[in-house]
Amino acid sequence: MRLHRDAEPAPVRAVHCGLGAFHRAHQAVCTAADPEWGIAAYTFRSTELPAELNAQGGLYSLLVRGEDVRTIGSISRAHAGAERERWLSDLAAPEVAVVTLTVTEAAYRVPREGEDSAISRLVDGLRARFRAAAAPITLVPCDNVPDNGAALRSVLRAAVAGQDAAFAAWVEAGVSIASTVVDRITPATTPADVRAVHELTGVRDAVPVVTEPYAEWLLAGDFPGGRPSWERAGARFVDSVDDYQRRKLWLLNGAHSLLAYAGLGRGRSSVREAMDDAVLAGLVESWWDTAARHLPLPAAELDEYRSALRRRFAAPAIEHRLRQIAVDGSQKIPVRILPVLHRERGAGRLPEAAVAVLAAWIAHLRGGDVRDPRSADLVPAARSGARAVLTALDADLASDDELIAAINAEVPSAVGDEP
């Protein structure tokens, strides 16, 4: 039996841009806790996924590894990117009060003239809403972009600058933008996962989603047109996400970068394998101790978060590949590692784990198979040593002789060391 919907879907009151596995494992799951809110979900990359979802009435299975399978029904309809008129209609509809986005970090830039991008489509949709004299609306970016609300606001301001002044003023005053922190590992669905869902439920689902038990969604912002009761599914509303964003970037993402570069150098291939290595696990704990000193959150809350990270990193059901994490280090190291390192150097300390991850990254840059937008500059710089690499990222740290010497001394042991 194919998965199908027996009742009418919820009325569309939210629109999502960037339909994919993460949205269906995260925001759509939280929205499902409020049956009064349905989602019109748009993807600009695929025509097959919207067709498969619509064939199932918008339903899909959520396979939570190590737990259970749930049917999620918050997506009332799914659309491909070619359905531009429907997109404009949905954004103009007065009953639509929320737009969520998962469009990847690279999308947060001002589009070139005539470019068809997520931001250009968002601007077009907002213009349609402005012309329809619709009610205020809230945009909810859910990408791992530092200060994602402020980043989206900045991009929108630049994108509408020089256009109709009344429209630009309405975007500023009538479009609320929330800031968020999102977290849930969602690997690609495999044929084995599709079979597992069928074996567990007896239902055939062409587009199930696989995820881990852990999920986090923190939001700060105003919702003048209303919003789903996301808190019913565990979302938390806070005055500011800044400290939580740093907590995630430094403790989760920083540890991931450490494990990726140091773990690959020690012959490990996944986060779980790396955490089984006592040396690497010790470095992670050292890094967490270091970063936690600069997070103004309750100690008990940080301890609970670290415990959750240990469980997630060691979980056998979700395989997080180190080579995937190691991609784009020049974009990740400056936000995951360097802010903590600056604070530590300001206090006169030379943190072992920060030195280790930078040394391991330089070894990775020297080792080939580097996937990074700045590899053409950084790979030659790595051959010259830590100062040349840090000069490309952070001039202040590049002038720190004690730090440079410590990193350079560590680089040989970051390459080819036996476990």
Protein backbone atom coordinates (compact mmCIF):
# COMPACT_ATOMS: atom_id res chain seq x y z
CA MET A 1 0.00 0.00 0.00
CA ARG A 2 1.29 3.46 -0.92
CA LEU A 3 1.34 6.20 1.66
CA HIS A 4 -1.71 8.41 1.11
CA ARG A 5 -3.76 11.09 2.84
CA ASP A 6 -7.30 10.25 3.93
CA ALA A 7 -8.34 13.77 5.01
CA GLU A 8 -7.92 17.22 3.53
CA PRO A 9 -4.55 18.83 4.29
CA ALA A 10 -4.32 21.84 6.56
CA PRO A 11 -4.86 25.24 4.94
CA VAL A 12 -1.65 26.79 3.67
CA ARG A 13 -0.54 29.47 6.11
CA ALA A 14 3.22 28.99 5.77
CA VAL A 15 5.50 28.83 2.73
CA HIS A 16 8.86 27.12 2.66
CA CYS A 17 11.70 27.86 0.25
CA GLY A 18 14.26 25.09 -0.24
CA LEU A 19 12.33 21.85 0.08
CA GLY A 20 14.71 19.05 0.98
CA ALA A 21 15.52 16.46 3.61
CA PHE A 22 16.55 18.89 6.33
CA HIS A 23 13.34 20.90 6.10
CA ARG A 24 11.28 17.72 6.25
CA ALA A 25 13.24 16.49 9.30
CA HIS A 26 13.11 19.82 11.10
CA GLN A 27 10.73 22.74 10.41
CA ALA A 28 8.02 20.57 8.82
CA VAL A 29 8.12 18.22 11.83
CA CYS A 30 7.62 21.13 14.23
CA THR A 31 4.82 22.57 12.08
CA ALA A 32 3.08 19.19 12.15
CA ALA A 33 2.47 19.77 15.87
CA ASP A 34 -0.04 22.50 14.92
CA PRO A 35 -2.79 21.06 12.69
CA GLU A 36 -4.08 24.54 11.80
CA TRP A 37 -0.99 25.33 9.74
CA GLY A 38 -0.18 23.78 6.38
CA ILE A 39 2.95 24.40 4.32
CA ALA A 40 3.33 25.12 0.62
CA ALA A 41 6.89 23.89 0.04
CA TYR A 42 8.98 24.94 -2.96
CA THR A 43 12.15 23.43 -4.34
CA PHE A 44 14.09 25.04 -7.17
CA ARG A 45 16.35 22.07 -7.85
CA SER A 46 14.06 19.08 -8.31
CA THR A 47 10.85 18.26 -10.10
CA GLU A 48 10.72 14.66 -8.91
CA LEU A 49 10.49 15.35 -5.17
CA PRO A 50 7.42 17.65 -5.40
CA ALA A 51 5.72 15.17 -7.73
CA GLU A 52 6.37 12.25 -5.38
CA LEU A 53 5.17 14.19 -2.36
CA ASN A 54 2.02 15.36 -4.10
CA ALA A 55 1.30 11.79 -5.19
CA GLN A 56 1.28 10.94 -1.48
CA GLY A 57 -0.87 13.94 -0.56
CA GLY A 58 2.17 15.70 0.88
CA LEU A 59 2.76 12.90 3.40
CA TYR A 60 6.14 11.31 4.03
CA SER A 61 7.76 9.04 6.59
CA LEU A 62 10.32 10.26 9.12
CA LEU A 63 12.64 7.43 10.11
CA VAL A 64 14.31 8.37 13.38
CA ARG A 65 17.32 6.08 13.65
CA GLY A 66 17.22 3.97 16.78
CA GLU A 67 13.63 4.97 17.58
CA ASP A 68 10.61 4.80 15.27
CA VAL A 69 8.90 5.84 12.05
CA ARG A 70 6.41 8.70 11.99
CA THR A 71 4.17 10.02 9.24
CA ILE A 72 4.46 13.78 8.79
CA GLY A 73 1.56 15.63 7.21
CA SER A 74 2.32 19.34 7.52
CA ILE A 75 3.21 19.81 3.83
CA SER A 76 -0.13 20.50 2.20
CA ARG A 77 1.34 20.81 -1.28
CA ALA A 78 4.78 20.78 -2.90
CA HIS A 79 5.96 22.74 -5.93
CA ALA A 80 8.85 22.79 -8.36
CA GLY A 81 10.71 25.97 -9.17
CA ALA A 82 8.98 26.35 -12.53
CA GLU A 83 5.68 27.07 -10.76
CA ARG A 84 6.61 30.72 -10.44
CA GLU A 85 3.09 32.15 -10.63
CA ARG A 86 1.96 29.90 -7.79
CA TRP A 87 4.94 31.08 -5.73
CA LEU A 88 3.97 34.70 -6.30
CA SER A 89 0.35 33.93 -5.46
CA ASP A 90 1.29 32.18 -2.23
CA LEU A 91 3.57 35.00 -1.09
CA ALA A 92 0.81 37.52 -1.81
CA ALA A 93 -1.90 35.55 0.03
CA PRO A 94 -3.00 37.38 3.23
CA GLU A 95 -3.48 34.09 5.10
CA VAL A 96 0.21 33.25 4.62
CA ALA A 97 2.06 34.71 7.63
CA VAL A 98 5.39 32.88 7.69
CA VAL A 99 8.09 31.99 5.14
CA THR A 100 10.82 29.61 6.25
CA LEU A 101 14.02 29.14 4.24
CA THR A 102 16.66 26.42 3.93
CA VAL A 103 18.61 27.61 0.92
CA THR A 104 22.24 26.89 2.02
CA GLU A 105 24.82 29.40 3.16
CA ALA A 106 25.88 30.28 -0.38
CA ALA A 107 22.44 31.77 -1.18
CA TYR A 108 22.82 34.65 1.28
CA ARG A 109 24.16 37.16 -1.22
CA VAL A 110 22.72 39.91 -3.37
CA PRO A 111 21.67 38.45 -6.73
CA ARG A 112 23.14 39.83 -9.92
CA GLU A 113 20.78 41.60 -12.29
CA GLY A 114 18.60 39.04 -14.05
CA GLU A 115 19.85 36.17 -11.88
CA ASP A 116 17.30 33.57 -10.79
CA SER A 117 18.20 32.79 -7.18
CA ALA A 118 16.44 32.10 -3.90
CA ILE A 119 16.87 35.74 -2.87
CA SER A 120 15.64 37.13 -6.21
CA ARG A 121 12.57 34.92 -5.98
CA LEU A 122 11.99 36.01 -2.41
CA VAL A 123 12.17 39.66 -3.49
CA ASP A 124 9.71 38.95 -6.32
CA GLY A 125 7.34 37.27 -3.88
CA LEU A 126 7.55 40.12 -1.41
CA ARG A 127 6.91 42.60 -4.21
CA ALA A 128 3.77 40.65 -5.12
CA ARG A 129 2.68 40.82 -1.48
CA PHE A 130 3.35 44.56 -1.35
CA ARG A 131 1.26 45.14 -4.48
CA ALA A 132 -1.55 43.07 -2.99
CA ALA A 133 -1.52 45.30 0.12
CA ALA A 134 -1.16 42.13 2.18
CA ALA A 135 -0.54 41.92 5.89
CA PRO A 136 2.92 41.91 7.47
CA ILE A 137 4.89 38.69 7.16
CA THR A 138 7.78 37.02 9.00
CA LEU A 139 10.76 35.42 7.27
CA VAL A 140 12.49 32.63 9.19
CA PRO A 141 15.95 31.73 7.81
CA CYS A 142 16.98 28.24 8.96
CA ASP A 143 20.46 27.98 7.45
CA ASN A 144 23.72 27.68 9.36
CA VAL A 145 24.71 31.27 8.68
CA PRO A 146 26.09 33.34 11.57
CA ASP A 147 23.42 35.88 12.57
CA ASN A 148 21.17 34.48 9.86
CA GLY A 149 18.37 36.97 10.55
CA ALA A 150 20.68 39.95 10.26
CA ALA A 151 22.36 38.39 7.22
CA LEU A 152 19.02 37.99 5.44
CA ARG A 153 17.97 41.53 6.38
CA SER A 154 21.22 42.90 4.95
CA VAL A 155 20.84 40.98 1.70
CA LEU A 156 17.22 42.07 1.27
CA ARG A 157 18.08 45.72 1.90
CA ALA A 158 20.77 45.59 -0.75
CA ALA A 159 18.55 43.68 -3.19
CA VAL A 160 15.70 46.22 -3.04
CA ALA A 161 17.95 49.29 -2.91
CA GLY A 162 17.36 51.54 -5.89
CA GLN A 163 13.97 49.97 -6.59
CA ASP A 164 10.59 51.50 -5.81
CA ALA A 165 11.08 53.51 -2.62
CA ALA A 166 7.66 52.60 -1.23
CA PHE A 167 8.39 48.90 -1.70
CA ALA A 168 11.79 49.22 -0.03
CA ALA A 169 10.17 51.04 2.91
CA TRP A 170 7.53 48.31 3.23
CA VAL A 171 10.20 45.59 3.24
CA GLU A 172 11.91 47.43 6.08
CA ALA A 173 8.77 48.03 8.14
CA GLY A 174 6.37 45.27 7.12
CA VAL A 175 8.69 42.29 6.79
CA SER A 176 9.80 40.86 10.11
CA ILE A 177 12.85 38.58 10.10
CA ALA A 178 13.52 36.09 12.87
CA SER A 179 16.94 34.75 13.82
CA THR A 180 17.37 31.05 14.45
CA VAL A 181 19.70 28.26 15.48
CA VAL A 182 18.90 24.91 13.88
CA ASP A 183 20.43 21.51 14.45
CA ARG A 184 19.57 18.01 13.31
CA ILE A 185 21.76 15.59 11.36
CA THR A 186 19.88 14.43 8.28
CA PRO A 187 21.87 12.12 5.99
CA ALA A 188 20.82 11.30 2.47
CA THR A 189 18.12 8.64 2.23
CA THR A 190 19.36 5.36 0.76
CA PRO A 191 17.45 2.50 -0.92
CA ALA A 192 18.04 0.52 2.28
CA ASP A 193 16.21 3.25 4.22
CA VAL A 194 13.27 3.07 1.84
CA ARG A 195 13.11 -0.69 2.37
CA ALA A 196 13.40 -0.27 6.15
CA VAL A 197 10.41 2.09 6.22
CA HIS A 198 8.36 -0.42 4.25
CA GLU A 199 9.36 -3.28 6.53
CA LEU A 200 8.54 -1.30 9.66
CA THR A 201 5.22 0.17 8.50
CA GLY A 202 3.95 -1.99 5.67
CA VAL A 203 3.53 1.22 3.66
CA ARG A 204 5.46 2.15 0.54
CA ASP A 205 6.90 5.65 0.72
CA ALA A 206 8.93 6.91 -2.24
CA VAL A 207 10.47 9.86 -0.32
CA PRO A 208 11.11 9.03 3.35
CA VAL A 209 13.55 11.09 5.42
CA VAL A 210 16.14 9.68 7.82
CA THR A 211 17.36 11.58 10.86
CA GLU A 212 18.79 11.34 14.36
CA PRO A 213 16.73 11.55 17.57
CA TYR A 214 18.23 14.92 18.56
CA ALA A 215 16.74 18.14 17.23
CA GLU A 216 17.07 21.78 18.26
CA TRP A 217 15.36 24.93 17.04
CA LEU A 218 15.88 28.26 18.78
CA LEU A 219 14.10 31.37 17.49
CA ALA A 220 14.13 35.08 18.32
CA GLY A 221 11.88 37.58 16.59
CA ASP A 222 8.39 38.94 16.06
CA PHE A 223 5.51 37.22 14.28
CA PRO A 224 2.92 39.95 13.65
CA GLY A 225 0.77 37.70 11.48
CA GLY A 226 0.92 34.73 13.85
CA ARG A 227 2.90 31.50 13.67
CA PRO A 228 2.53 27.75 14.19
CA SER A 229 2.83 26.47 17.76
CA TRP A 230 6.32 25.14 17.08
CA GLU A 231 7.06 24.94 20.80
CA ARG A 232 4.69 21.95 21.01
CA ALA A 233 7.42 20.01 19.18
CA GLY A 234 10.28 21.37 21.26
CA ALA A 235 11.19 24.65 19.56
CA ARG A 236 12.33 27.35 22.01
CA PHE A 237 11.70 31.08 21.75
CA VAL A 238 14.41 33.27 23.29
CA ASP A 239 15.18 36.97 23.45
CA SER A 240 18.43 36.48 21.50
CA VAL A 241 20.02 33.49 19.80
CA ASP A 242 23.53 34.97 19.89
CA ASP A 243 24.93 32.91 22.78
CA TYR A 244 23.23 29.75 21.53
CA GLN A 245 24.62 30.35 18.07
CA ARG A 246 28.13 30.62 19.47
CA ARG A 247 27.53 27.53 21.60
CA LYS A 248 26.62 25.51 18.50
CA LEU A 249 29.38 26.95 16.31
CA TRP A 250 32.10 26.45 18.91
CA LEU A 251 31.08 23.27 20.72
CA LEU A 252 29.37 21.24 17.97
CA ASN A 253 30.81 22.61 14.75
CA GLY A 254 34.24 23.38 16.21
CA ALA A 255 34.52 19.83 17.55
CA HIS A 256 33.43 18.52 14.15
CA SER A 257 36.24 20.44 12.43
CA LEU A 258 38.75 19.20 15.00
CA LEU A 259 37.63 15.60 14.52
CA ALA A 260 37.60 15.95 10.73
CA TYR A 261 41.14 17.25 10.25
CA ALA A 262 42.83 15.48 13.15
CA GLY A 263 40.77 12.34 12.60
CA LEU A 264 41.63 12.02 8.91
CA GLY A 265 45.29 12.42 9.86
CA ARG A 266 44.90 9.46 12.22
CA GLY A 267 43.14 7.23 9.70
CA ARG A 268 39.58 7.70 10.94
CA SER A 269 36.69 8.09 8.51
CA SER A 270 33.63 9.03 10.60
CA VAL A 271 32.79 11.07 13.69
CA ARG A 272 31.96 7.89 15.60
CA GLU A 273 35.30 6.29 14.69
CA ALA A 274 37.13 9.46 15.68
CA MET A 275 35.40 9.59 19.06
CA ASP A 276 36.54 6.01 19.68
CA ASP A 277 40.12 7.31 19.50
CA ALA A 278 41.16 8.30 23.04
CA VAL A 279 43.56 10.97 21.76
CA LEU A 280 40.91 12.66 19.64
CA ALA A 281 38.22 12.34 22.31
CA GLY A 282 40.62 14.00 24.76
CA LEU A 283 41.23 16.87 22.35
CA VAL A 284 37.47 17.36 21.97
CA GLU A 285 37.01 17.57 25.73
CA SER A 286 39.91 20.02 25.94
CA TRP A 287 38.34 22.14 23.18
CA TRP A 288 34.98 22.12 24.96
CA ASP A 289 36.60 23.21 28.21
CA THR A 290 38.32 26.05 26.36
CA ALA A 291 35.29 27.28 24.42
CA ALA A 292 32.91 26.98 27.39
CA ARG A 293 34.95 29.60 29.25
CA HIS A 294 33.66 32.19 26.78
CA LEU A 295 29.97 31.23 26.72
CA PRO A 296 27.79 33.17 29.18
CA LEU A 297 25.28 30.35 29.59
CA PRO A 298 24.47 28.40 32.77
CA ALA A 299 27.09 25.75 33.53
CA ALA A 300 24.41 23.08 33.94
CA GLU A 301 23.01 23.88 30.50
CA LEU A 302 26.45 23.64 28.92
CA ASP A 303 27.12 20.33 30.67
CA GLU A 304 23.82 18.97 29.36
CA TYR A 305 24.66 20.14 25.85
CA ARG A 306 28.09 18.49 25.99
CA SER A 307 26.51 15.23 27.18
CA ALA A 308 24.09 15.36 24.24
CA LEU A 309 27.00 15.93 21.86
CA ARG A 310 28.87 12.91 23.23
CA ARG A 311 25.81 10.73 22.61
CA ARG A 312 25.33 12.12 19.12
CA PHE A 313 28.97 11.76 18.16
CA ALA A 314 29.07 8.15 19.37
CA ALA A 315 25.72 7.08 17.90
CA PRO A 316 26.17 4.15 15.50
CA ALA A 317 22.92 4.75 13.59
CA ILE A 318 24.00 8.01 11.88
CA GLU A 319 27.31 7.96 10.02
CA HIS A 320 28.81 11.43 9.69
CA ARG A 321 31.76 11.26 7.28
CA LEU A 322 34.88 13.26 8.17
CA ARG A 323 35.71 14.05 4.56
CA GLN A 324 32.32 15.72 4.20
CA ILE A 325 32.92 17.83 7.32
CA ALA A 326 36.41 18.74 6.10
CA VAL A 327 35.04 20.53 3.01
CA ASP A 328 35.28 24.36 2.93
CA GLY A 329 37.59 24.75 5.91
CA SER A 330 38.39 28.36 4.99
CA GLN A 331 34.72 29.22 5.56
CA LYS A 332 34.34 27.17 8.74
CA ILE A 333 37.57 27.70 10.71
CA PRO A 334 37.10 31.50 11.01
CA VAL A 335 33.70 31.13 12.74
CA ARG A 336 34.22 27.85 14.59
CA ILE A 337 37.77 28.12 15.96
CA LEU A 338 39.31 31.57 15.59
CA PRO A 339 36.87 33.56 17.79
CA VAL A 340 37.71 31.32 20.76
CA LEU A 341 41.42 31.46 19.93
CA HIS A 342 41.31 35.27 19.94
CA ARG A 343 39.74 35.29 23.38
CA GLU A 344 42.26 32.79 24.70
CA ARG A 345 45.23 34.71 23.36
CA GLY A 346 43.79 37.88 24.86
CA ALA A 347 43.86 36.10 28.23
CA GLY A 348 47.47 35.00 27.67
CA ARG A 349 46.63 31.33 27.08
CA LEU A 350 47.70 29.05 24.22
CA PRO A 351 44.94 26.40 24.00
CA GLU A 352 46.16 22.94 23.05
CA ALA A 353 43.07 21.93 21.08
CA ALA A 354 42.97 25.10 18.96
CA VAL A 355 46.63 24.63 18.05
CA ALA A 356 45.91 20.98 17.20
CA VAL A 357 43.01 21.70 14.86
CA LEU A 358 44.90 24.43 12.99
CA ALA A 359 47.94 22.19 12.63
CA ALA A 360 45.75 19.34 11.38
CA TRP A 361 44.03 21.65 8.90
CA ILE A 362 47.37 22.77 7.50
CA ALA A 363 48.38 19.10 7.18
CA HIS A 364 45.09 18.46 5.37
CA LEU A 365 45.80 21.34 2.97
CA ARG A 366 49.19 19.79 2.22
CA GLY A 367 47.78 16.33 1.70
CA GLY A 368 45.70 16.71 -1.45
CA ASP A 369 41.97 16.06 -2.02
CA VAL A 370 41.19 19.55 -0.72
CA ARG A 371 37.70 20.83 -1.46
CA ASP A 372 37.65 24.50 -0.57
CA PRO A 373 36.74 27.66 -2.50
CA ARG A 374 40.12 29.14 -1.53
CA SER A 375 42.22 26.06 -2.18
CA ALA A 376 44.18 27.79 -4.98
CA ASP A 377 45.57 30.24 -2.41
CA LEU A 378 45.60 28.11 0.73
CA VAL A 379 47.29 24.96 -0.57
CA PRO A 380 50.48 26.83 -1.58
CA ALA A 381 50.28 28.84 1.66
CA ALA A 382 50.14 25.63 3.70
CA ARG A 383 53.46 24.54 2.26
CA SER A 384 54.99 27.71 3.72
CA GLY A 385 53.55 27.13 7.17
CA ALA A 386 51.07 28.51 9.68
CA ARG A 387 51.87 32.19 9.20
CA ALA A 388 51.06 32.12 5.49
CA VAL A 389 47.77 30.30 6.10
CA LEU A 390 46.66 32.55 8.94
CA THR A 391 47.63 35.65 6.94
CA ALA A 392 44.92 34.67 4.50
CA LEU A 393 42.35 34.43 7.32
CA ASP A 394 43.32 36.67 10.23
CA ALA A 395 46.17 39.19 10.20
CA ASP A 396 46.20 39.62 13.98
CA LEU A 397 46.72 35.93 14.65
CA ALA A 398 49.25 35.72 11.82
CA SER A 399 51.46 38.20 13.72
CA ASP A 400 51.39 36.13 16.93
CA ASP A 401 54.86 34.56 16.94
CA GLU A 402 54.20 32.24 19.89
CA LEU A 403 51.04 30.87 18.27
CA ILE A 404 52.72 30.43 14.87
CA ALA A 405 55.61 28.52 16.43
CA ALA A 406 53.24 26.24 18.35
CA ILE A 407 51.21 25.40 15.24
CA ASN A 408 54.26 24.78 13.06
CA ALA A 409 55.76 22.51 15.73
CA GLU A 410 52.53 20.49 15.74
CA VAL A 411 52.07 20.12 11.97
CA PRO A 412 54.43 17.14 11.47
CA SER A 413 52.61 15.13 14.14
CA ALA A 414 49.29 15.96 12.47
CA VAL A 415 50.36 14.06 9.36
CA GLY A 416 50.70 10.32 9.31
CA ASP A 417 50.81 9.81 13.07
CA GLU A 418 49.94 6.28 13.97
CA PRO A 419 46.84 5.92 16.17
